[in-house]
Amino acid sequence: MRLEKCWFCSSTIYPGHGIQFVRNDAKIFRFCRSKCHKNFKMKRNPRKVKWTKAYRRVHGKDMTQDSTFEFERKRNRPERYDRNLAENVLKAIPKIDKIRVSREEKHHKNRMKGKKQKLQMEAVKELEQGISLVKAPSVLQKDPSLTLPKIKVSVSQQQAQENHPMEE
Protein backbone atom coordinates (compact mmCIF):
# COMPACT_ATOMS: atom_id res chain seq x y z
CA MET A 1 0.00 0.00 0.00
CA ARG A 2 1.58 3.23 -1.15
CA LEU A 3 0.67 6.51 0.52
CA GLU A 4 1.17 9.53 -1.73
CA LYS A 5 1.51 13.20 -0.78
CA CYS A 6 -0.77 15.93 -2.07
CA TRP A 7 1.16 18.27 -4.36
CA PHE A 8 -0.61 21.35 -2.99
CA CYS A 9 -1.13 20.84 0.75
CA SER A 10 1.29 17.94 1.46
CA SER A 11 -1.31 15.80 3.24
CA THR A 12 -1.33 12.02 2.75
CA ILE A 13 -3.44 10.48 -0.01
CA TYR A 14 -4.63 6.95 0.63
CA PRO A 15 -5.16 4.45 -2.21
CA GLY A 16 -8.40 5.07 -4.08
CA HIS A 17 -8.67 8.68 -2.93
CA GLY A 18 -7.82 11.99 -4.52
CA ILE A 19 -7.33 13.23 -8.05
CA GLN A 20 -4.39 12.85 -10.44
CA PHE A 21 -3.56 15.46 -13.04
CA VAL A 22 -1.02 14.60 -15.75
CA ARG A 23 0.48 17.58 -17.55
CA ASN A 24 1.58 17.52 -21.22
CA ASP A 25 5.19 16.94 -20.19
CA ALA A 26 4.10 13.76 -18.31
CA LYS A 27 4.54 15.34 -14.85
CA ILE A 28 2.02 13.82 -12.43
CA PHE A 29 0.32 16.04 -9.83
CA ARG A 30 -1.68 14.30 -7.09
CA PHE A 31 -4.30 16.12 -5.04
CA CYS A 32 -6.03 14.93 -1.89
CA ARG A 33 -9.33 16.77 -2.53
CA SER A 34 -11.00 19.09 -4.98
CA LYS A 35 -10.04 22.13 -2.88
CA CYS A 36 -6.35 21.51 -3.63
CA HIS A 37 -7.05 20.72 -7.28
CA LYS A 38 -9.03 23.95 -7.78
CA ASN A 39 -6.33 26.04 -6.09
CA PHE A 40 -3.75 24.43 -8.40
CA LYS A 41 -5.88 25.24 -11.46
CA MET A 42 -6.17 28.84 -10.23
CA LYS A 43 -2.33 28.88 -10.22
CA ARG A 44 -2.11 29.70 -6.52
CA ASN A 45 1.22 29.34 -4.80
CA PRO A 46 0.99 26.85 -1.88
CA ARG A 47 3.60 28.87 0.03
CA LYS A 48 1.19 31.83 0.11
CA VAL A 49 -1.97 29.92 1.06
CA LYS A 50 -2.19 29.86 4.87
CA TRP A 51 -3.67 26.39 5.39
CA THR A 52 -0.95 24.47 3.50
CA LYS A 53 2.08 22.73 4.98
CA ALA A 54 4.36 24.74 2.70
CA TYR A 55 3.11 28.03 4.19
CA ARG A 56 3.55 26.73 7.73
CA ARG A 57 7.12 25.61 7.01
CA VAL A 58 8.13 28.84 5.24
CA HIS A 59 6.77 31.00 8.06
CA GLY A 60 8.40 28.96 10.86
CA LYS A 61 5.20 27.45 12.24
CA ASP A 62 6.20 23.83 11.58
CA MET A 63 9.54 22.06 11.88
CA THR A 64 11.43 22.09 8.61
CA GLN A 65 14.51 19.97 9.33
CA ASP A 66 14.46 16.92 11.53
CA SER A 67 15.98 13.45 11.29
CA THR A 68 12.54 11.84 11.75
CA PHE A 69 11.47 13.16 8.33
CA GLU A 70 14.30 11.15 6.76
CA PHE A 71 12.86 7.90 8.13
CA GLU A 72 9.45 8.78 6.70
CA ARG A 73 10.96 9.34 3.25
CA LYS A 74 12.91 6.08 3.43
CA ARG A 75 9.79 4.15 4.42
CA ASN A 76 7.98 5.26 1.28
CA ARG A 77 10.64 3.81 -1.01
CA PRO A 78 9.76 0.35 -2.41
CA GLU A 79 12.29 -2.35 -1.53
CA ARG A 80 12.57 -6.08 -1.91
CA TYR A 81 10.67 -7.87 0.87
CA ASP A 82 12.79 -9.04 3.78
CA ARG A 83 10.96 -10.42 6.80
CA ASN A 84 13.53 -9.24 9.39
CA LEU A 85 13.75 -5.78 7.89
CA ALA A 86 9.96 -5.44 7.77
CA GLU A 87 9.74 -6.51 11.42
CA ASN A 88 12.39 -3.97 12.48
CA VAL A 89 10.71 -1.19 10.52
CA LEU A 90 7.33 -1.94 12.07
CA LYS A 91 8.91 -1.87 15.55
CA ALA A 92 10.69 1.42 14.79
CA ILE A 93 7.66 3.30 13.40
CA PRO A 94 5.98 3.96 16.80
CA LYS A 95 9.29 5.03 18.34
CA ILE A 96 9.98 7.45 15.50
CA ASP A 97 6.45 8.86 15.72
CA LYS A 98 6.85 9.37 19.47
CA ILE A 99 10.15 11.21 18.95
CA ARG A 100 8.67 13.37 16.19
CA VAL A 101 5.64 14.32 18.33
CA SER A 102 7.84 15.29 21.29
CA ARG A 103 10.08 17.41 19.04
CA GLU A 104 7.06 19.14 17.51
CA GLU A 105 5.73 19.94 21.00
CA LYS A 106 9.13 21.35 21.96
CA HIS A 107 9.20 23.44 18.77
CA HIS A 108 5.70 24.77 19.54
CA LYS A 109 6.69 25.67 23.12
CA ASN A 110 9.73 27.58 21.86
CA ARG A 111 7.55 29.43 19.35
CA MET A 112 5.02 30.43 22.00
CA LYS A 113 7.58 31.36 24.68
CA GLY A 114 7.16 35.16 24.53
CA LYS A 115 3.52 35.08 23.44
CA LYS A 116 1.96 35.33 26.92
CA GLN A 117 3.92 38.43 27.92
CA LYS A 118 3.25 40.05 24.55
CA LEU A 119 -0.50 39.46 24.91
CA GLN A 120 -0.47 40.98 28.41
CA MET A 121 1.35 44.08 27.16
CA GLU A 122 -1.12 44.47 24.30
CA ALA A 123 -4.05 44.12 26.71
CA VAL A 124 -2.59 46.78 29.03
CA LYS A 125 -1.99 49.14 26.10
CA GLU A 126 -5.53 48.62 24.80
CA LEU A 127 -6.95 49.21 28.28
CA GLU A 128 -4.92 52.43 28.66
CA GLN A 129 -6.18 53.72 25.32
CA GLY A 130 -9.80 52.78 25.88
CA ILE A 131 -10.17 53.34 29.65
CA SER A 132 -13.06 55.73 28.94
CA LEU A 133 -14.99 52.79 27.47
CA VAL A 134 -14.61 50.82 30.70
CA LYS A 135 -15.19 53.70 33.14
CA ALA A 136 -17.06 56.92 32.50
CA PRO A 137 -14.84 60.01 31.97
CA SER A 138 -16.73 61.96 34.64
CA VAL A 139 -15.86 59.29 37.25
CA LEU A 140 -12.21 59.40 36.21
CA GLN A 141 -12.13 63.21 36.68
CA LYS A 142 -13.63 62.93 40.16
CA ASP A 143 -11.32 60.16 41.37
CA PRO A 144 -7.98 60.02 39.46
CA SER A 145 -6.89 56.95 41.44
CA LEU A 146 -9.13 54.82 39.17
CA THR A 147 -6.81 55.28 36.20
CA LEU A 148 -4.11 52.74 35.46
CA PRO A 149 -0.72 53.40 37.02
CA LYS A 150 1.92 54.62 34.60
CA ILE A 151 4.69 52.15 33.92
CA LYS A 152 8.13 53.69 34.48
CA VAL A 153 10.85 52.75 32.04
CA SER A 154 14.48 53.49 32.85
CA VAL A 155 16.45 55.14 30.04
CA SER A 156 20.23 55.20 30.01
CA GLN A 157 22.09 58.51 29.63
CA GLN A 158 23.27 57.66 26.10
CA GLN A 159 19.73 57.05 24.87
CA ALA A 160 18.51 60.26 26.50
CA GLN A 161 21.26 62.29 24.79
CA GLU A 162 20.62 60.69 21.39
CA ASN A 163 16.92 61.53 21.48
CA HIS A 164 17.42 65.31 21.98
CA PRO A 165 16.75 67.38 18.86
CA MET A 166 19.82 68.82 17.17
CA GLU A 167 20.62 72.44 17.87
CA GLU A 168 21.49 74.73 14.99
C-alpha atoms as a PDB file:
ATOM      1  CA  MET A   1       0.000   0.000   0.000  1.00  0.00           C
ATOM      2  CA  ARG A   2       1.585   3.231  -1.151  1.00  0.00           C
ATOM      3  CA  LEU A   3       0.668   6.508   0.517  1.00  0.00           C
ATOM      4  CA  GLU A   4       1.165   9.534  -1.732  1.00  0.00           C
ATOM      5  CA  LYS A   5       1.511  13.203  -0.778  1.00  0.00           C
ATOM      6  CA  CYS A   6      -0.770  15.931  -2.073  1.00  0.00           C
ATOM      7  CA  TRP A   7       1.164  18.275  -4.364  1.00  0.00           C
ATOM      8  CA  PHE A   8      -0.611  21.354  -2.995  1.00  0.00           C
ATOM      9  CA  CYS A   9      -1.130  20.836   0.754  1.00  0.00           C
ATOM     10  CA  SER A  10       1.289  17.936   1.464  1.00  0.00           C
ATOM     11  CA  SER A  11      -1.309  15.798   3.241  1.00  0.00           C
ATOM     12  CA  THR A  12      -1.334  12.025   2.747  1.00  0.00           C
ATOM     13  CA  ILE A  13      -3.441  10.481  -0.009  1.00  0.00           C
ATOM     14  CA  TYR A  14      -4.626   6.947   0.634  1.00  0.00           C
ATOM     15  CA  PRO A  15      -5.157   4.452  -2.209  1.00  0.00           C
ATOM     16  CA  GLY A  16      -8.401   5.066  -4.084  1.00  0.00           C
ATOM     17  CA  HIS A  17      -8.669   8.679  -2.935  1.00  0.00           C
ATOM     18  CA  GLY A  18      -7.822  11.989  -4.525  1.00  0.00           C
ATOM     19  CA  ILE A  19      -7.329  13.233  -8.054  1.00  0.00           C
ATOM     20  CA  GLN A  20      -4.393  12.851 -10.438  1.00  0.00           C
ATOM     21  CA  PHE A  21      -3.555  15.457 -13.042  1.00  0.00           C
ATOM     22  CA  VAL A  22      -1.021  14.604 -15.750  1.00  0.00           C
ATOM     23  CA  ARG A  23       0.477  17.584 -17.546  1.00  0.00           C
ATOM     24  CA  ASN A  24       1.583  17.517 -21.221  1.00  0.00           C
ATOM     25  CA  ASP A  25       5.190  16.945 -20.191  1.00  0.00           C
ATOM     26  CA  ALA A  26       4.097  13.761 -18.312  1.00  0.00           C
ATOM     27  CA  LYS A  27       4.539  15.339 -14.854  1.00  0.00           C
ATOM     28  CA  ILE A  28       2.020  13.820 -12.426  1.00  0.00           C
ATOM     29  CA  PHE A  29       0.317  16.037  -9.830  1.00  0.00           C
ATOM     30  CA  ARG A  30      -1.676  14.297  -7.086  1.00  0.00           C
ATOM     31  CA  PHE A  31      -4.305  16.118  -5.037  1.00  0.00           C
ATOM     32  CA  CYS A  32      -6.035  14.928  -1.885  1.00  0.00           C
ATOM     33  CA  ARG A  33      -9.329  16.768  -2.528  1.00  0.00           C
ATOM     34  CA  SER A  34     -11.002  19.091  -4.984  1.00  0.00           C
ATOM     35  CA  LYS A  35     -10.035  22.135  -2.881  1.00  0.00           C
ATOM     36  CA  CYS A  36      -6.349  21.508  -3.633  1.00  0.00           C
ATOM     37  CA  HIS A  37      -7.051  20.718  -7.279  1.00  0.00           C
ATOM     38  CA  LYS A  38      -9.034  23.945  -7.777  1.00  0.00           C
ATOM     39  CA  ASN A  39      -6.329  26.038  -6.094  1.00  0.00           C
ATOM     40  CA  PHE A  40      -3.753  24.434  -8.399  1.00  0.00           C
ATOM     41  CA  LYS A  41      -5.883  25.237 -11.457  1.00  0.00           C
ATOM     42  CA  MET A  42      -6.174  28.844 -10.228  1.00  0.00           C
ATOM     43  CA  LYS A  43      -2.333  28.884 -10.223  1.00  0.00           C
ATOM     44  CA  ARG A  44      -2.114  29.697  -6.518  1.00  0.00           C
ATOM     45  CA  ASN A  45       1.224  29.339  -4.801  1.00  0.00           C
ATOM     46  CA  PRO A  46       0.986  26.848  -1.883  1.00  0.00           C
ATOM     47  CA  ARG A  47       3.604  28.873   0.029  1.00  0.00           C
ATOM     48  CA  LYS A  48       1.193  31.831   0.110  1.00  0.00           C
ATOM     49  CA  VAL A  49      -1.973  29.922   1.057  1.00  0.00           C
ATOM     50  CA  LYS A  50      -2.186  29.861   4.866  1.00  0.00           C
ATOM     51  CA  TRP A  51      -3.668  26.393   5.387  1.00  0.00           C
ATOM     52  CA  THR A  52      -0.951  24.475   3.496  1.00  0.00           C
ATOM     53  CA  LYS A  53       2.078  22.732   4.983  1.00  0.00           C
ATOM     54  CA  ALA A  54       4.360  24.743   2.698  1.00  0.00           C
ATOM     55  CA  TYR A  55       3.106  28.029   4.190  1.00  0.00           C
ATOM     56  CA  ARG A  56       3.547  26.731   7.729  1.00  0.00           C
ATOM     57  CA  ARG A  57       7.117  25.614   7.013  1.00  0.00           C
ATOM     58  CA  VAL A  58       8.135  28.839   5.237  1.00  0.00           C
ATOM     59  CA  HIS A  59       6.773  31.001   8.062  1.00  0.00           C
ATOM     60  CA  GLY A  60       8.397  28.960  10.862  1.00  0.00           C
ATOM     61  CA  LYS A  61       5.198  27.452  12.240  1.00  0.00           C
ATOM     62  CA  ASP A  62       6.196  23.831  11.578  1.00  0.00           C
ATOM     63  CA  MET A  63       9.535  22.062  11.881  1.00  0.00           C
ATOM     64  CA  THR A  64      11.432  22.090   8.609  1.00  0.00           C
ATOM     65  CA  GLN A  65      14.507  19.966   9.334  1.00  0.00           C
ATOM     66  CA  ASP A  66      14.464  16.917  11.533  1.00  0.00           C
ATOM     67  CA  SER A  67      15.977  13.448  11.292  1.00  0.00           C
ATOM     68  CA  THR A  68      12.541  11.841  11.753  1.00  0.00           C
ATOM     69  CA  PHE A  69      11.474  13.162   8.328  1.00  0.00           C
ATOM     70  CA  GLU A  70      14.297  11.151   6.763  1.00  0.00           C
ATOM     71  CA  PHE A  71      12.855   7.900   8.127  1.00  0.00           C
ATOM     72  CA  GLU A  72       9.452   8.778   6.705  1.00  0.00           C
ATOM     73  CA  ARG A  73      10.965   9.343   3.252  1.00  0.00           C
ATOM     74  CA  LYS A  74      12.911   6.082   3.433  1.00  0.00           C
ATOM     75  CA  ARG A  75       9.791   4.146   4.419  1.00  0.00           C
ATOM     76  CA  ASN A  76       7.978   5.264   1.281  1.00  0.00           C
ATOM     77  CA  ARG A  77      10.640   3.809  -1.012  1.00  0.00           C
ATOM     78  CA  PRO A  78       9.764   0.354  -2.413  1.00  0.00           C
ATOM     79  CA  GLU A  79      12.292  -2.346  -1.532  1.00  0.00           C
ATOM     80  CA  ARG A  80      12.567  -6.083  -1.906  1.00  0.00           C
ATOM     81  CA  TYR A  81      10.673  -7.872   0.865  1.00  0.00           C
ATOM     82  CA  ASP A  82      12.787  -9.040   3.781  1.00  0.00           C
ATOM     83  CA  ARG A  83      10.961 -10.416   6.798  1.00  0.00           C
ATOM     84  CA  ASN A  84      13.534  -9.236   9.395  1.00  0.00           C
ATOM     85  CA  LEU A  85      13.750  -5.775   7.886  1.00  0.00           C
ATOM     86  CA  ALA A  86       9.962  -5.438   7.771  1.00  0.00           C
ATOM     87  CA  GLU A  87       9.743  -6.508  11.417  1.00  0.00           C
ATOM     88  CA  ASN A  88      12.392  -3.967  12.477  1.00  0.00           C
ATOM     89  CA  VAL A  89      10.707  -1.190  10.515  1.00  0.00           C
ATOM     90  CA  LEU A  90       7.332  -1.943  12.073  1.00  0.00           C
ATOM     91  CA  LYS A  91       8.912  -1.868  15.550  1.00  0.00           C
ATOM     92  CA  ALA A  92      10.689   1.420  14.794  1.00  0.00           C
ATOM     93  CA  ILE A  93       7.661   3.302  13.403  1.00  0.00           C
ATOM     94  CA  PRO A  94       5.976   3.963  16.800  1.00  0.00           C
ATOM     95  CA  LYS A  95       9.294   5.032  18.337  1.00  0.00           C
ATOM     96  CA  ILE A  96       9.984   7.451  15.497  1.00  0.00           C
ATOM     97  CA  ASP A  97       6.446   8.857  15.722  1.00  0.00           C
ATOM     98  CA  LYS A  98       6.845   9.371  19.474  1.00  0.00           C
ATOM     99  CA  ILE A  99      10.152  11.209  18.955  1.00  0.00           C
ATOM    100  CA  ARG A 100       8.666  13.365  16.194  1.00  0.00           C
ATOM    101  CA  VAL A 101       5.640  14.324  18.326  1.00  0.00           C
ATOM    102  CA  SER A 102       7.843  15.289  21.288  1.00  0.00           C
ATOM    103  CA  ARG A 103      10.083  17.414  19.040  1.00  0.00           C
ATOM    104  CA  GLU A 104       7.056  19.140  17.506  1.00  0.00           C
ATOM    105  CA  GLU A 105       5.729  19.944  20.998  1.00  0.00           C
ATOM    106  CA  LYS A 106       9.132  21.353  21.963  1.00  0.00           C
ATOM    107  CA  HIS A 107       9.202  23.444  18.769  1.00  0.00           C
ATOM    108  CA  HIS A 108       5.700  24.773  19.538  1.00  0.00           C
ATOM    109  CA  LYS A 109       6.689  25.674  23.124  1.00  0.00           C
ATOM    110  CA  ASN A 110       9.734  27.581  21.856  1.00  0.00           C
ATOM    111  CA  ARG A 111       7.553  29.431  19.348  1.00  0.00           C
ATOM    112  CA  MET A 112       5.023  30.426  22.005  1.00  0.00           C
ATOM    113  CA  LYS A 113       7.583  31.359  24.679  1.00  0.00           C
ATOM    114  CA  GLY A 114       7.155  35.157  24.526  1.00  0.00           C
ATOM    115  CA  LYS A 115       3.521  35.078  23.436  1.00  0.00           C
ATOM    116  CA  LYS A 116       1.957  35.326  26.920  1.00  0.00           C
ATOM    117  CA  GLN A 117       3.918  38.427  27.923  1.00  0.00           C
ATOM    118  CA  LYS A 118       3.247  40.053  24.548  1.00  0.00           C
ATOM    119  CA  LEU A 119      -0.502  39.457  24.908  1.00  0.00           C
ATOM    120  CA  GLN A 120      -0.472  40.977  28.410  1.00  0.00           C
ATOM    121  CA  MET A 121       1.353  44.079  27.161  1.00  0.00           C
ATOM    122  CA  GLU A 122      -1.119  44.471  24.296  1.00  0.00           C
ATOM    123  CA  ALA A 123      -4.047  44.121  26.707  1.00  0.00           C
ATOM    124  CA  VAL A 124      -2.592  46.782  29.034  1.00  0.00           C
ATOM    125  CA  LYS A 125      -1.993  49.136  26.104  1.00  0.00           C
ATOM    126  CA  GLU A 126      -5.533  48.624  24.796  1.00  0.00           C
ATOM    127  CA  LEU A 127      -6.950  49.211  28.278  1.00  0.00           C
ATOM    128  CA  GLU A 128      -4.925  52.427  28.658  1.00  0.00           C
ATOM    129  CA  GLN A 129      -6.178  53.723  25.316  1.00  0.00           C
ATOM    130  CA  GLY A 130      -9.802  52.784  25.875  1.00  0.00           C
ATOM    131  CA  ILE A 131     -10.168  53.338  29.649  1.00  0.00           C
ATOM    132  CA  SER A 132     -13.059  55.728  28.940  1.00  0.00           C
ATOM    133  CA  LEU A 133     -14.994  52.791  27.472  1.00  0.00           C
ATOM    134  CA  VAL A 134     -14.606  50.825  30.703  1.00  0.00           C
ATOM    135  CA  LYS A 135     -15.188  53.695  33.135  1.00  0.00           C
ATOM    136  CA  ALA A 136     -17.061  56.919  32.498  1.00  0.00           C
ATOM    137  CA  PRO A 137     -14.840  60.010  31.965  1.00  0.00           C
ATOM    138  CA  SER A 138     -16.732  61.959  34.643  1.00  0.00           C
ATOM    139  CA  VAL A 139     -15.861  59.293  37.250  1.00  0.00           C
ATOM    140  CA  LEU A 140     -12.209  59.404  36.209  1.00  0.00           C
ATOM    141  CA  GLN A 141     -12.128  63.212  36.683  1.00  0.00           C
ATOM    142  CA  LYS A 142     -13.626  62.934  40.165  1.00  0.00           C
ATOM    143  CA  ASP A 143     -11.321  60.158  41.369  1.00  0.00           C
ATOM    144  CA  PRO A 144      -7.978  60.024  39.456  1.00  0.00           C
ATOM    145  CA  SER A 145      -6.893  56.951  41.443  1.00  0.00           C
ATOM    146  CA  LEU A 146      -9.126  54.819  39.170  1.00  0.00           C
ATOM    147  CA  THR A 147      -6.806  55.281  36.198  1.00  0.00           C
ATOM    148  CA  LEU A 148      -4.109  52.736  35.462  1.00  0.00           C
ATOM    149  CA  PRO A 149      -0.722  53.401  37.024  1.00  0.00           C
ATOM    150  CA  LYS A 150       1.918  54.623  34.605  1.00  0.00           C
ATOM    151  CA  ILE A 151       4.691  52.150  33.923  1.00  0.00           C
ATOM    152  CA  LYS A 152       8.128  53.686  34.481  1.00  0.00           C
ATOM    153  CA  VAL A 153      10.852  52.747  32.045  1.00  0.00           C
ATOM    154  CA  SER A 154      14.476  53.488  32.846  1.00  0.00           C
ATOM    155  CA  VAL A 155      16.447  55.139  30.045  1.00  0.00           C
ATOM    156  CA  SER A 156      20.228  55.202  30.015  1.00  0.00           C
ATOM    157  CA  GLN A 157      22.090  58.509  29.625  1.00  0.00           C
ATOM    158  CA  GLN A 158      23.270  57.655  26.099  1.00  0.00           C
ATOM    159  CA  GLN A 159      19.732  57.048  24.872  1.00  0.00           C
ATOM    160  CA  ALA A 160      18.514  60.263  26.500  1.00  0.00           C
ATOM    161  CA  GLN A 161      21.256  62.289  24.789  1.00  0.00           C
ATOM    162  CA  GLU A 162      20.624  60.687  21.389  1.00  0.00           C
ATOM    163  CA  ASN A 163      16.920  61.533  21.485  1.00  0.00           C
ATOM    164  CA  HIS A 164      17.417  65.315  21.980  1.00  0.00           C
ATOM    165  CA  PRO A 165      16.746  67.385  18.859  1.00  0.00           C
ATOM    166  CA  MET A 166      19.818  68.821  17.169  1.00  0.00           C
ATOM    167  CA  GLU A 167      20.617  72.439  17.868  1.00  0.00           C
ATOM    168  CA  GLU A 168      21.490  74.732  14.991  1.00  0.00           C
END
